[in-house]
Amino acid sequence: TSVLQECRAFIAAWLPGSEGTGIADVLFGDYAPTGKLSHSWPRHMNQIPINVGDPNYDPLFPYGFGLTY
């Protein structure tokens, strides 16, 4: 998380394989990325599984976080 605090943006590419060209387009500024998280992003590994409404729900990035569509 200390690295994320220094970043202006974060892209989770998750093994893009044949779609790596699309990720390159975003990184080189040829395409403006959009999207929102489809799940909560845990702050610590001991939060897994993490669900909205859990007693200790304190994600690094909450469900739906991100850029607008």
N, C-alpha and C. Protein backbone atom coordinates (compact mmCIF):
# COMPACT_ATOMS: atom_id res chain seq x y z
N THR A 1 0.81 -1.21 0.00
CA THR A 1 0.00 0.00 0.00
C THR A 1 0.85 1.27 0.00
N SER A 2 2.08 1.20 0.49
CA SER A 2 2.91 2.40 0.50
C SER A 2 3.23 2.85 -0.92
N VAL A 3 3.37 1.92 -1.85
CA VAL A 3 3.62 2.27 -3.25
C VAL A 3 2.38 2.94 -3.85
N LEU A 4 1.21 2.43 -3.55
CA LEU A 4 -0.03 3.01 -4.08
C LEU A 4 -0.23 4.45 -3.63
N GLN A 5 0.24 4.78 -2.45
CA GLN A 5 0.09 6.15 -1.94
C GLN A 5 0.89 7.14 -2.77
N GLU A 6 1.91 6.67 -3.45
CA GLU A 6 2.75 7.54 -4.28
C GLU A 6 2.29 7.60 -5.73
N CYS A 7 1.30 6.80 -6.09
CA CYS A 7 0.84 6.70 -7.49
C CYS A 7 -0.38 7.57 -7.75
N ARG A 8 -0.46 8.10 -8.95
CA ARG A 8 -1.64 8.85 -9.36
C ARG A 8 -2.69 7.93 -9.97
N ALA A 9 -2.27 6.75 -10.39
CA ALA A 9 -3.19 5.79 -11.00
C ALA A 9 -2.67 4.38 -10.78
N PHE A 10 -3.57 3.41 -10.85
CA PHE A 10 -3.23 2.00 -10.69
C PHE A 10 -4.09 1.21 -11.66
N ILE A 11 -3.46 0.36 -12.46
CA ILE A 11 -4.19 -0.49 -13.40
C ILE A 11 -3.88 -1.94 -13.06
N ALA A 12 -4.90 -2.73 -12.77
CA ALA A 12 -4.74 -4.16 -12.52
C ALA A 12 -4.95 -4.89 -13.84
N ALA A 13 -3.88 -5.39 -14.43
CA ALA A 13 -3.97 -6.00 -15.76
C ALA A 13 -4.24 -7.50 -15.70
N TRP A 14 -3.87 -8.19 -14.65
CA TRP A 14 -4.17 -9.61 -14.44
C TRP A 14 -3.86 -10.50 -15.64
N LEU A 15 -2.63 -10.67 -15.97
CA LEU A 15 -2.19 -11.60 -17.03
C LEU A 15 -2.95 -11.37 -18.33
N PRO A 16 -2.75 -10.25 -18.99
CA PRO A 16 -3.56 -9.91 -20.16
C PRO A 16 -3.37 -10.80 -21.37
N GLY A 17 -2.27 -11.54 -21.47
CA GLY A 17 -2.08 -12.45 -22.59
C GLY A 17 -2.25 -11.78 -23.93
N SER A 18 -3.16 -12.30 -24.74
CA SER A 18 -3.37 -11.76 -26.09
C SER A 18 -3.98 -10.37 -26.08
N GLU A 19 -4.49 -9.94 -24.94
CA GLU A 19 -5.07 -8.59 -24.84
C GLU A 19 -4.06 -7.57 -24.31
N GLY A 20 -2.79 -7.93 -24.28
CA GLY A 20 -1.75 -7.03 -23.82
C GLY A 20 -1.67 -5.75 -24.62
N THR A 21 -2.06 -5.80 -25.88
CA THR A 21 -2.06 -4.60 -26.72
C THR A 21 -3.01 -3.55 -26.14
N GLY A 22 -4.13 -3.99 -25.61
CA GLY A 22 -5.08 -3.06 -25.00
C GLY A 22 -4.49 -2.38 -23.78
N ILE A 23 -3.77 -3.12 -22.97
CA ILE A 23 -3.12 -2.55 -21.80
C ILE A 23 -2.05 -1.55 -22.24
N ALA A 24 -1.30 -1.90 -23.29
CA ALA A 24 -0.28 -0.98 -23.82
C ALA A 24 -0.92 0.31 -24.32
N ASP A 25 -2.08 0.21 -24.97
CA ASP A 25 -2.78 1.41 -25.44
C ASP A 25 -3.10 2.35 -24.28
N VAL A 26 -3.51 1.78 -23.15
CA VAL A 26 -3.82 2.59 -21.97
C VAL A 26 -2.54 3.22 -21.41
N LEU A 27 -1.50 2.41 -21.26
CA LEU A 27 -0.25 2.90 -20.66
C LEU A 27 0.42 3.98 -21.50
N PHE A 28 0.30 3.90 -22.81
CA PHE A 28 0.92 4.89 -23.69
C PHE A 28 0.00 6.05 -24.03
N GLY A 29 -1.20 6.09 -23.44
CA GLY A 29 -2.09 7.22 -23.62
C GLY A 29 -2.91 7.20 -24.90
N ASP A 30 -2.96 6.06 -25.59
CA ASP A 30 -3.75 5.97 -26.82
C ASP A 30 -5.22 5.69 -26.53
N TYR A 31 -5.55 5.32 -25.29
CA TYR A 31 -6.93 5.02 -24.91
C TYR A 31 -7.11 5.45 -23.45
N ALA A 32 -8.22 6.10 -23.15
CA ALA A 32 -8.52 6.53 -21.78
C ALA A 32 -9.26 5.40 -21.06
N PRO A 33 -8.68 4.86 -19.99
CA PRO A 33 -9.33 3.74 -19.30
C PRO A 33 -10.55 4.19 -18.50
N THR A 34 -11.52 3.30 -18.39
CA THR A 34 -12.68 3.50 -17.54
C THR A 34 -12.97 2.19 -16.84
N GLY A 35 -13.72 2.23 -15.79
CA GLY A 35 -14.11 1.00 -15.11
C GLY A 35 -14.23 1.19 -13.62
N LYS A 36 -14.92 0.26 -13.00
CA LYS A 36 -15.10 0.25 -11.56
C LYS A 36 -14.84 -1.15 -11.05
N LEU A 37 -14.42 -1.25 -9.80
CA LEU A 37 -14.16 -2.56 -9.21
C LEU A 37 -15.45 -3.36 -9.06
N SER A 38 -15.38 -4.61 -9.42
CA SER A 38 -16.53 -5.50 -9.27
C SER A 38 -16.47 -6.24 -7.94
N HIS A 39 -15.48 -5.90 -7.12
CA HIS A 39 -15.32 -6.51 -5.80
C HIS A 39 -14.55 -5.54 -4.91
N SER A 40 -14.64 -5.73 -3.62
CA SER A 40 -13.85 -4.92 -2.68
C SER A 40 -12.41 -5.40 -2.71
N TRP A 41 -11.47 -4.47 -2.59
CA TRP A 41 -10.05 -4.80 -2.62
C TRP A 41 -9.55 -4.75 -1.18
N PRO A 42 -9.16 -5.90 -0.60
CA PRO A 42 -8.79 -5.91 0.81
C PRO A 42 -7.55 -5.07 1.12
N ARG A 43 -7.52 -4.53 2.31
CA ARG A 43 -6.39 -3.75 2.78
C ARG A 43 -5.26 -4.68 3.25
N HIS A 44 -5.64 -5.84 3.82
CA HIS A 44 -4.69 -6.82 4.34
C HIS A 44 -5.15 -8.22 3.93
N MET A 45 -4.22 -9.15 3.84
CA MET A 45 -4.57 -10.52 3.47
C MET A 45 -5.52 -11.17 4.47
N ASN A 46 -5.43 -10.79 5.74
CA ASN A 46 -6.31 -11.41 6.74
C ASN A 46 -7.76 -10.93 6.63
N GLN A 47 -8.05 -10.04 5.69
CA GLN A 47 -9.43 -9.59 5.45
C GLN A 47 -10.14 -10.48 4.43
N ILE A 48 -9.45 -11.43 3.84
CA ILE A 48 -10.04 -12.28 2.81
C ILE A 48 -10.76 -13.44 3.47
N PRO A 49 -12.01 -13.73 3.15
CA PRO A 49 -12.86 -13.01 2.20
C PRO A 49 -13.36 -11.70 2.81
N ILE A 50 -13.62 -10.73 1.95
CA ILE A 50 -14.12 -9.42 2.38
C ILE A 50 -15.43 -9.14 1.65
N ASN A 51 -16.44 -8.77 2.40
CA ASN A 51 -17.75 -8.50 1.82
C ASN A 51 -18.35 -7.23 2.42
N VAL A 52 -19.06 -6.48 1.60
CA VAL A 52 -19.78 -5.31 2.10
C VAL A 52 -20.70 -5.77 3.22
N GLY A 53 -20.68 -5.07 4.33
CA GLY A 53 -21.53 -5.42 5.46
C GLY A 53 -20.83 -6.27 6.51
N ASP A 54 -19.62 -6.77 6.22
CA ASP A 54 -18.87 -7.51 7.23
C ASP A 54 -18.58 -6.59 8.41
N PRO A 55 -18.51 -7.13 9.63
CA PRO A 55 -18.28 -6.29 10.80
C PRO A 55 -16.99 -5.45 10.71
N ASN A 56 -15.94 -5.99 10.16
CA ASN A 56 -14.66 -5.27 10.07
C ASN A 56 -14.38 -4.81 8.64
N TYR A 57 -15.41 -4.47 7.89
CA TYR A 57 -15.26 -4.05 6.49
C TYR A 57 -14.50 -2.74 6.42
N ASP A 58 -13.25 -2.80 5.97
CA ASP A 58 -12.41 -1.61 5.82
C ASP A 58 -11.46 -1.86 4.65
N PRO A 59 -11.99 -1.92 3.42
CA PRO A 59 -11.15 -2.25 2.28
C PRO A 59 -10.21 -1.11 1.89
N LEU A 60 -9.16 -1.45 1.17
CA LEU A 60 -8.29 -0.44 0.59
C LEU A 60 -9.05 0.32 -0.48
N PHE A 61 -9.80 -0.43 -1.31
CA PHE A 61 -10.68 0.15 -2.32
C PHE A 61 -12.03 -0.54 -2.20
N PRO A 62 -13.12 0.19 -1.96
CA PRO A 62 -14.43 -0.43 -1.79
C PRO A 62 -15.05 -0.89 -3.11
N TYR A 63 -16.05 -1.75 -3.00
CA TYR A 63 -16.83 -2.20 -4.15
C TYR A 63 -17.31 -0.99 -4.93
N GLY A 64 -17.12 -1.01 -6.25
CA GLY A 64 -17.58 0.08 -7.10
C GLY A 64 -16.61 1.24 -7.23
N PHE A 65 -15.45 1.16 -6.57
CA PHE A 65 -14.46 2.23 -6.64
C PHE A 65 -13.87 2.29 -8.05
N GLY A 66 -13.58 3.47 -8.52
CA GLY A 66 -12.91 3.60 -9.81
C GLY A 66 -13.43 4.75 -10.64
N LEU A 67 -13.08 4.67 -11.90
CA LEU A 67 -13.47 5.71 -12.85
C LEU A 67 -14.90 5.50 -13.29
N THR A 68 -15.55 6.55 -13.73
CA THR A 68 -16.93 6.44 -14.19
C THR A 68 -16.99 5.80 -15.57
N TYR A 69 -18.12 5.24 -15.89
CA TYR A 69 -18.30 4.61 -17.20
C TYR A 69 -18.60 5.65 -18.24
